[in-house]
C-alpha atoms as a PDB file:
ATOM      1  CA  MET A   1    -187.732-159.867 -82.465  1.00  0.00           C
ATOM      2  CA  GLU A   2    -190.060-156.983 -83.267  1.00  0.00           C
ATOM      3  CA  GLU A   3    -193.076-159.019 -82.134  1.00  0.00           C
ATOM      4  CA  ALA A   4    -191.422-159.699 -78.778  1.00  0.00           C
ATOM      5  CA  ILE A   5    -190.742-155.992 -78.310  1.00  0.00           C
ATOM      6  CA  ARG A   6    -194.301-155.069 -79.335  1.00  0.00           C
ATOM      7  CA  ASN A   7    -195.698-157.445 -76.702  1.00  0.00           C
ATOM      8  CA  LEU A   8    -194.033-155.405 -73.946  1.00  0.00           C
ATOM      9  CA  PHE A   9    -193.677-151.966 -75.564  1.00  0.00           C
ATOM     10  CA  PRO A  10    -196.543-151.606 -78.086  1.00  0.00           C
ATOM     11  CA  THR A  11    -196.287-147.813 -78.438  1.00  0.00           C
ATOM     12  CA  LEU A  12    -192.644-147.746 -79.490  1.00  0.00           C
ATOM     13  CA  THR A  13    -191.716-146.950 -83.058  1.00  0.00           C
ATOM     14  CA  THR A  14    -188.795-149.149 -84.039  1.00  0.00           C
ATOM     15  CA  THR A  15    -185.996-148.697 -86.536  1.00  0.00           C
ATOM     16  CA  HIS A  16    -184.405-151.769 -88.107  1.00  0.00           C
ATOM     17  CA  GLU A  17    -180.710-151.827 -88.977  1.00  0.00           C
ATOM     18  CA  PRO A  18    -180.360-155.071 -90.987  1.00  0.00           C
ATOM     19  CA  LYS A  19    -176.572-154.821 -91.439  1.00  0.00           C
ATOM     20  CA  ARG A  20    -176.120-154.942 -87.665  1.00  0.00           C
ATOM     21  CA  SER A  21    -179.151-157.170 -86.918  1.00  0.00           C
ATOM     22  CA  LEU A  22    -180.333-154.382 -84.642  1.00  0.00           C
ATOM     23  CA  LEU A  23    -183.788-153.072 -83.831  1.00  0.00           C
ATOM     24  CA  THR A  24    -183.847-149.768 -81.938  1.00  0.00           C
ATOM     25  CA  ALA A  25    -186.520-147.531 -80.442  1.00  0.00           C
ATOM     26  CA  GLN A  26    -186.511-144.277 -78.536  1.00  0.00           C
ATOM     27  CA  ARG A  27    -189.116-142.397 -76.468  1.00  0.00           C
ATOM     28  CA  GLU A  28    -189.052-139.338 -74.275  1.00  0.00           C
ATOM     29  CA  ASP A  29    -191.798-140.305 -71.803  1.00  0.00           C
ATOM     30  CA  LEU A  30    -192.616-143.012 -69.295  1.00  0.00           C
ATOM     31  CA  ASP A  31    -195.937-143.816 -70.999  1.00  0.00           C
ATOM     32  CA  SER A  32    -194.074-146.225 -73.277  1.00  0.00           C
ATOM     33  CA  LEU A  33    -193.451-148.376 -70.173  1.00  0.00           C
ATOM     34  CA  ASP A  34    -197.155-148.728 -69.268  1.00  0.00           C
ATOM     35  CA  THR A  35    -197.661-152.161 -70.862  1.00  0.00           C
ATOM     36  CA  LEU A  36    -194.496-153.478 -69.226  1.00  0.00           C
ATOM     37  CA  ARG A  37    -195.743-152.006 -65.938  1.00  0.00           C
ATOM     38  CA  ALA A  38    -199.149-153.711 -66.323  1.00  0.00           C
ATOM     39  CA  LYS A  39    -197.516-157.073 -67.030  1.00  0.00           C
ATOM     40  CA  ILE A  40    -195.221-156.716 -63.993  1.00  0.00           C
ATOM     41  CA  THR A  41    -198.300-156.046 -61.851  1.00  0.00           C
ATOM     42  CA  GLN A  42    -200.275-158.876 -63.483  1.00  0.00           C
ATOM     43  CA  GLN A  43    -197.452-161.353 -62.860  1.00  0.00           C
ATOM     44  CA  ARG A  44    -197.148-160.122 -59.248  1.00  0.00           C
ATOM     45  CA  ILE A  45    -193.402-159.590 -59.542  1.00  0.00           C
ATOM     46  CA  ARG A  46    -193.172-155.895 -58.606  1.00  0.00           C
ATOM     47  CA  ALA A  47    -190.997-156.338 -55.509  1.00  0.00           C
ATOM     48  CA  SER A  48    -188.492-158.677 -57.152  1.00  0.00           C
ATOM     49  CA  ILE A  49    -188.300-156.574 -60.344  1.00  0.00           C
ATOM     50  CA  GLN A  50    -187.838-153.396 -58.307  1.00  0.00           C
ATOM     51  CA  GLU A  51    -184.948-154.919 -56.347  1.00  0.00           C
ATOM     52  CA  ALA A  52    -183.311-156.323 -59.485  1.00  0.00           C
ATOM     53  CA  LEU A  53    -183.659-153.051 -61.425  1.00  0.00           C
ATOM     54  CA  ARG A  54    -182.182-150.973 -58.594  1.00  0.00           C
ATOM     55  CA  ARG A  55    -179.039-153.104 -58.869  1.00  0.00           C
ATOM     56  CA  ARG A  56    -178.790-152.275 -62.576  1.00  0.00           C
ATOM     57  CA  ILE A  57    -178.528-148.482 -62.204  1.00  0.00           C
ATOM     58  CA  GLN A  58    -175.280-147.035 -63.515  1.00  0.00           C
ATOM     59  CA  GLY A  59    -175.172-143.289 -62.911  1.00  0.00           C
ATOM     60  CA  GLU A  60    -178.047-141.722 -64.845  1.00  0.00           C
ATOM     61  CA  THR A  61    -178.759-144.927 -66.781  1.00  0.00           C
ATOM     62  CA  LEU A  62    -180.833-148.000 -66.012  1.00  0.00           C
ATOM     63  CA  ARG A  63    -179.708-150.991 -68.087  1.00  0.00           C
ATOM     64  CA  PHE A  64    -181.455-154.323 -68.075  1.00  0.00           C
ATOM     65  CA  SER A  65    -182.171-157.230 -70.381  1.00  0.00           C
ATOM     66  CA  LEU A  66    -185.440-159.030 -70.962  1.00  0.00           C
ATOM     67  CA  ASN A  67    -185.769-162.629 -72.031  1.00  0.00           C
ATOM     68  CA  LYS A  68    -186.882-162.579 -75.661  1.00  0.00           C
ATOM     69  CA  GLN A  69    -188.682-165.928 -75.519  1.00  0.00           C
ATOM     70  CA  ALA A  70    -190.749-164.775 -72.520  1.00  0.00           C
ATOM     71  CA  ALA A  71    -191.506-161.490 -74.285  1.00  0.00           C
ATOM     72  CA  TYR A  72    -192.838-163.413 -77.306  1.00  0.00           C
ATOM     73  CA  MET A  73    -195.338-164.948 -74.883  1.00  0.00           C
ATOM     74  CA  GLY A  74    -196.184-161.539 -73.388  1.00  0.00           C
ATOM     75  CA  LYS A  75    -194.349-162.266 -70.131  1.00  0.00           C
ATOM     76  CA  VAL A  76    -191.719-160.259 -68.269  1.00  0.00           C
ATOM     77  CA  SER A  77    -188.526-162.048 -67.326  1.00  0.00           C
ATOM     78  CA  LEU A  78    -185.221-160.330 -66.616  1.00  0.00           C
ATOM     79  CA  CYS A  79    -182.174-162.188 -67.807  1.00  0.00           C
ATOM     80  CA  LEU A  80    -178.466-162.153 -67.158  1.00  0.00           C
ATOM     81  CA  GLU A  81    -175.819-161.820 -69.853  1.00  0.00           C
ATOM     82  CA  GLY A  82    -175.614-164.988 -71.901  1.00  0.00           C
ATOM     83  CA  GLU A  83    -178.716-166.469 -70.276  1.00  0.00           C
ATOM     84  CA  ASP A  84    -181.081-166.048 -73.246  1.00  0.00           C
ATOM     85  CA  PRO A  85    -180.255-168.426 -76.136  1.00  0.00           C
ATOM     86  CA  LEU A  86    -182.150-166.179 -78.589  1.00  0.00           C
ATOM     87  CA  GLY A  87    -180.310-163.097 -77.349  1.00  0.00           C
ATOM     88  CA  PRO A  88    -181.894-160.648 -74.925  1.00  0.00           C
ATOM     89  CA  ILE A  89    -183.931-157.525 -75.484  1.00  0.00           C
ATOM     90  CA  LYS A  90    -181.648-154.831 -74.073  1.00  0.00           C
ATOM     91  CA  VAL A  91    -183.356-151.849 -72.470  1.00  0.00           C
ATOM     92  CA  TYR A  92    -181.585-148.594 -71.609  1.00  0.00           C
ATOM     93  CA  ILE A  93    -183.419-145.848 -69.722  1.00  0.00           C
ATOM     94  CA  ILE A  94    -181.412-142.637 -69.528  1.00  0.00           C
ATOM     95  CA  GLY A  95    -182.180-139.683 -67.278  1.00  0.00           C
ATOM     96  CA  ASP A  96    -184.107-140.646 -64.141  1.00  0.00           C
ATOM     97  CA  PRO A  97    -183.602-144.350 -63.460  1.00  0.00           C
ATOM     98  CA  LEU A  98    -185.255-144.275 -60.027  1.00  0.00           C
ATOM     99  CA  GLY A  99    -188.280-142.488 -61.477  1.00  0.00           C
ATOM    100  CA  ALA A 100    -188.568-145.161 -64.165  1.00  0.00           C
ATOM    101  CA  ILE A 101    -188.292-147.960 -61.584  1.00  0.00           C
ATOM    102  CA  ASN A 102    -190.912-146.296 -59.392  1.00  0.00           C
ATOM    103  CA  HIS A 103    -193.194-145.958 -62.424  1.00  0.00           C
ATOM    104  CA  LEU A 104    -192.752-149.622 -63.358  1.00  0.00           C
ATOM    105  CA  CYS A 105    -193.180-150.979 -59.851  1.00  0.00           C
ATOM    106  CA  SER A 106    -195.846-148.746 -58.287  1.00  0.00           C
END
């Protein structure tokens, strides 16, 4: 899973929790989203991603899941709960969700 995350978020430092089969990362800036942003632009999916992400805002938090198999291939693909047989990469952006969406989709 770490390789899939690195393909979309190469600047993140991850922490592995083997007992929970969990890999976590945390950053304080939007620069960590730059590779994801470039791939969204490259795939020409900005408008659809922007619309989908706006629907996933909950208060001060943006929550979305990325298809792990697509991420392994360096591609961006949002997924719904239960849609990814390998389990999704869950992304939580706390603070300014609209700012993060604008950064990703501009």
